[in-house]
Amino acid sequence: MVKDKSTLPFEVTYSESTEGKAKTPMKRLAVVLKPEKVDAITSALRALGLESTIYDVKGAGKEKQRETSGRGTSTFDLAYTTRKVVATVVKSDTVDDIVGKMKEALGEESGAVVMISTVDDLVRL
């Protein structure tokens, strides 16, 4: 086992290889949201003692993003929309509470999507 001084919001035992079972059941939460909502989510996660990673992403979907140019005389639709992904890893038994806090921080009609996936193991490189 590898020991290090990094702090996580819960106790984690790292493996030296990818074989074996995870010592602590964990889930990865990835929230896809509009860029202006990032501060609300990250402050809610910080209040819970969680750290997060933020990604810039682009996507093509039903929603169109409009761009103005010049002095606002012309607008055009972009082929993609810009979004942010805020990701964190939490204990499996706290997922419902954390998703509830995120929903509360974002409010109604935020359009955010939370993707929840299982984390099998953490390997420190």
Protein backbone atom coordinates (compact mmCIF):
# COMPACT_ATOMS: atom_id res chain seq x y z
CA MET A 1 0.00 0.00 0.00
CA VAL A 2 1.11 3.51 -0.80
CA LYS A 3 0.74 6.26 1.81
CA ASP A 4 0.71 9.95 1.07
CA LYS A 5 -0.19 13.19 2.82
CA SER A 6 -2.98 14.35 0.47
CA THR A 7 -6.29 15.10 2.12
CA LEU A 8 -9.56 13.72 0.86
CA PRO A 9 -12.95 14.17 2.51
CA PHE A 10 -12.89 10.50 3.53
CA GLU A 11 -10.37 7.77 4.24
CA VAL A 12 -9.04 6.09 1.08
CA THR A 13 -6.65 3.20 0.77
CA TYR A 14 -4.68 3.35 -2.48
CA SER A 15 -3.65 0.20 -4.32
CA GLU A 16 -0.31 -0.46 -5.93
CA SER A 17 -2.09 -2.13 -8.84
CA THR A 18 -5.54 -2.04 -10.38
CA GLU A 19 -6.37 -5.56 -9.21
CA GLY A 20 -8.37 -6.12 -6.07
CA LYS A 21 -11.40 -4.51 -4.53
CA ALA A 22 -11.85 -0.90 -3.46
CA LYS A 23 -11.60 -0.49 0.30
CA THR A 24 -14.20 2.29 0.40
CA PRO A 25 -17.23 2.15 -1.95
CA MET A 26 -17.09 5.38 -3.96
CA LYS A 27 -19.00 7.17 -6.71
CA ARG A 28 -17.91 9.86 -9.18
CA LEU A 29 -20.34 12.72 -9.66
CA ALA A 30 -19.99 14.73 -12.87
CA VAL A 31 -22.32 17.72 -13.20
CA VAL A 32 -22.79 19.24 -16.67
CA LEU A 33 -23.99 22.84 -16.35
CA LYS A 34 -23.90 26.35 -17.77
CA PRO A 35 -20.71 28.33 -17.04
CA GLU A 36 -22.51 30.94 -14.93
CA LYS A 37 -23.65 28.23 -12.46
CA VAL A 38 -20.14 26.92 -11.64
CA ASP A 39 -19.61 29.20 -8.63
CA ALA A 40 -22.85 28.02 -7.01
CA ILE A 41 -21.91 24.35 -7.35
CA THR A 42 -18.28 24.70 -6.26
CA SER A 43 -19.20 26.75 -3.19
CA ALA A 44 -21.81 24.12 -2.22
CA LEU A 45 -19.20 21.35 -2.60
CA ARG A 46 -16.64 23.36 -0.59
CA ALA A 47 -19.19 23.81 2.19
CA LEU A 48 -19.49 20.01 2.34
CA GLY A 49 -15.70 19.66 2.52
CA LEU A 50 -15.35 18.28 -1.02
CA GLU A 51 -12.88 19.20 -3.73
CA SER A 52 -13.78 19.26 -7.42
CA THR A 53 -12.27 19.35 -10.88
CA ILE A 54 -13.73 21.66 -13.55
CA TYR A 55 -13.63 20.87 -17.28
CA ASP A 56 -14.57 23.08 -20.23
CA VAL A 57 -16.67 21.14 -22.74
CA LYS A 58 -18.57 21.83 -25.96
CA GLY A 59 -21.61 19.97 -27.17
CA ALA A 60 -24.16 19.90 -29.95
CA GLY A 61 -27.73 19.41 -28.81
CA LYS A 62 -31.22 20.81 -28.92
CA GLU A 63 -30.32 24.09 -27.25
CA LYS A 64 -28.74 26.77 -29.45
CA GLN A 65 -26.27 29.38 -28.28
CA ARG A 66 -26.45 32.82 -29.88
CA GLU A 67 -23.45 35.04 -30.50
CA THR A 68 -23.57 38.75 -31.27
CA SER A 69 -20.88 40.53 -33.23
CA GLY A 70 -19.93 44.11 -33.87
CA ARG A 71 -22.16 46.58 -32.09
CA GLY A 72 -24.95 44.08 -31.64
CA THR A 73 -26.24 44.53 -35.15
CA SER A 74 -25.98 40.90 -36.15
CA THR A 75 -26.50 37.63 -34.31
CA PHE A 76 -25.85 34.08 -35.40
CA ASP A 77 -26.34 30.62 -33.90
CA LEU A 78 -23.24 28.69 -32.96
CA ALA A 79 -22.92 25.05 -34.00
CA TYR A 80 -22.18 24.06 -30.39
CA THR A 81 -22.94 25.14 -26.84
CA THR A 82 -20.29 25.70 -24.19
CA ARG A 83 -20.73 23.98 -20.84
CA LYS A 84 -18.68 23.15 -17.75
CA VAL A 85 -18.30 19.77 -16.07
CA VAL A 86 -17.69 19.80 -12.31
CA ALA A 87 -16.50 16.38 -11.11
CA THR A 88 -15.88 14.99 -7.63
CA VAL A 89 -15.56 11.61 -5.90
CA VAL A 90 -17.71 10.85 -2.85
CA LYS A 91 -18.63 7.93 -0.61
CA SER A 92 -21.48 5.85 -1.99
CA ASP A 93 -23.72 6.32 1.03
CA THR A 94 -23.60 10.15 0.77
CA VAL A 95 -24.54 10.47 -2.92
CA ASP A 96 -28.22 11.30 -2.35
CA ASP A 97 -27.41 14.00 0.23
CA ILE A 98 -24.79 15.63 -1.99
CA VAL A 99 -27.02 15.59 -5.08
CA GLY A 100 -29.76 17.19 -2.97
CA LYS A 101 -27.37 19.97 -1.84
CA MET A 102 -26.32 20.54 -5.48
CA LYS A 103 -29.95 20.79 -6.56
CA GLU A 104 -30.63 23.25 -3.74
CA ALA A 105 -27.59 25.39 -4.69
CA LEU A 106 -28.54 25.52 -8.39
CA GLY A 107 -32.24 26.20 -7.86
CA GLU A 108 -35.07 25.37 -10.21
CA GLU A 109 -34.71 25.30 -14.00
CA SER A 110 -30.91 25.10 -13.98
CA GLY A 111 -30.74 22.58 -16.82
CA ALA A 112 -27.85 20.79 -15.10
CA VAL A 113 -27.32 17.04 -15.45
CA VAL A 114 -25.60 14.84 -12.84
CA MET A 115 -23.88 11.69 -14.10
CA ILE A 116 -23.13 9.15 -11.36
CA SER A 117 -20.61 6.38 -11.98
CA THR A 118 -18.90 3.78 -9.82
CA VAL A 119 -15.23 4.16 -8.88
CA ASP A 120 -13.69 0.70 -8.59
CA ASP A 121 -10.28 1.67 -7.24
CA LEU A 122 -7.85 4.58 -6.83
CA VAL A 123 -4.24 4.09 -7.86
CA ARG A 124 -1.63 6.67 -6.84
CA LEU A 125 1.00 7.05 -9.58
